[in-house]
Structure formats: C-alpha cells, structure tokens
Amino acid sequence: MRGIGTIWSEFEAGSPDLAAFAAARLQAAVAFLATTGPDGWPRVHPVSPLLRRGRLLVFMEPTSPKGSDLRRDPRYALHAGVEDARGGGGEVAVRGRARPLEDPAIRTTAAGPSTQDRWVLFELLVDRVLATRYAEDGKPVRRRWTAPSETAP
C-alpha cells in the first residue's frame, strides 16, 4: 500500500540532484496545480509554489476553488513547464496529496511580504516526481522518483 506522500525534505534527501532540478523549475515561473472539482472533472489553477524549510507549500485565497477541491479530495498534480517550444529548461511534474497547515511557525516561515493573513496554506506532500530535460537532439531525458511504501513488499 502506498503512503500519502512525504515532505519535500525527505524527497530531497533521497534524490538531491532531482530535487534541486525540480525546485529550480517550480520556482522559475508560475506552476499549474491540477485538482479534482466537485463534479469529478479535473481543474487546473496557476500557483506560485514555495519551498521553505524542507516543505513544498502553496498559499491561496480562502474562497479559492482549488482549496475546496483539496479539502474534499487531497490528491493533486503540479506541473512546471518548459520555457519554449524546444523544451528549454526542462519540466517537472509532481503528484501527491495536499494538507492544510495551521501551524503558526510554519506559516511565519512561509509568509512573504505580500502574503495576506486570510490566505490558506497547504503543504503538498510528494508521492512521485517526474523531471524531463531535452537533449541537444531534442530527445527527452527523464528521471523519476517515487516515495517509499509505508509497508515493505
């Protein structure tokens, strides 16, 4: 049975090179968070992920559909795309489960100067990471990481 994911720092400890690449891509520009709407259809939302003290975090408005989606069904997919049609910079896709965080210490660590007190903070636990870079010949070079199972096989 698969666990619910791991915090970012555990992924980072298990695959430091891949984590560094993923962090750079996720923080390079707006990323896209996929959630499941109440009707069961996928929804995609632009987000600005934060990496703070070994955690992958996202702030959002309390009335945001993505927050409602994640409270109802915590599964998510997060994608940071390429810079151009030739795959510049590469891309990263992360999936796992989200959980709301109420801890004031974590919130203070994550908060920036433009963060509103009313915003809700979610931690994105990591289950899988897929990173793709494109070689000079245009062929994709992929690296994957999967969170360890809670129980041994």
Foldseek 3Di string as FASTA:
>chain_A
DADQFAFQQVVCVVPVVLSVLQVCLLQVDWKWKWFAAPVRHIDIDTWRWDQFPRFTKTWDAPPDRVVVRQVVPFKMKIKRAAPDPLRHSWIKIWIGGKDWDDDPVVCVRGDDPPDDPRITMITGGTAKMKIWGADPVSDIDIDMDGDDGPDDD
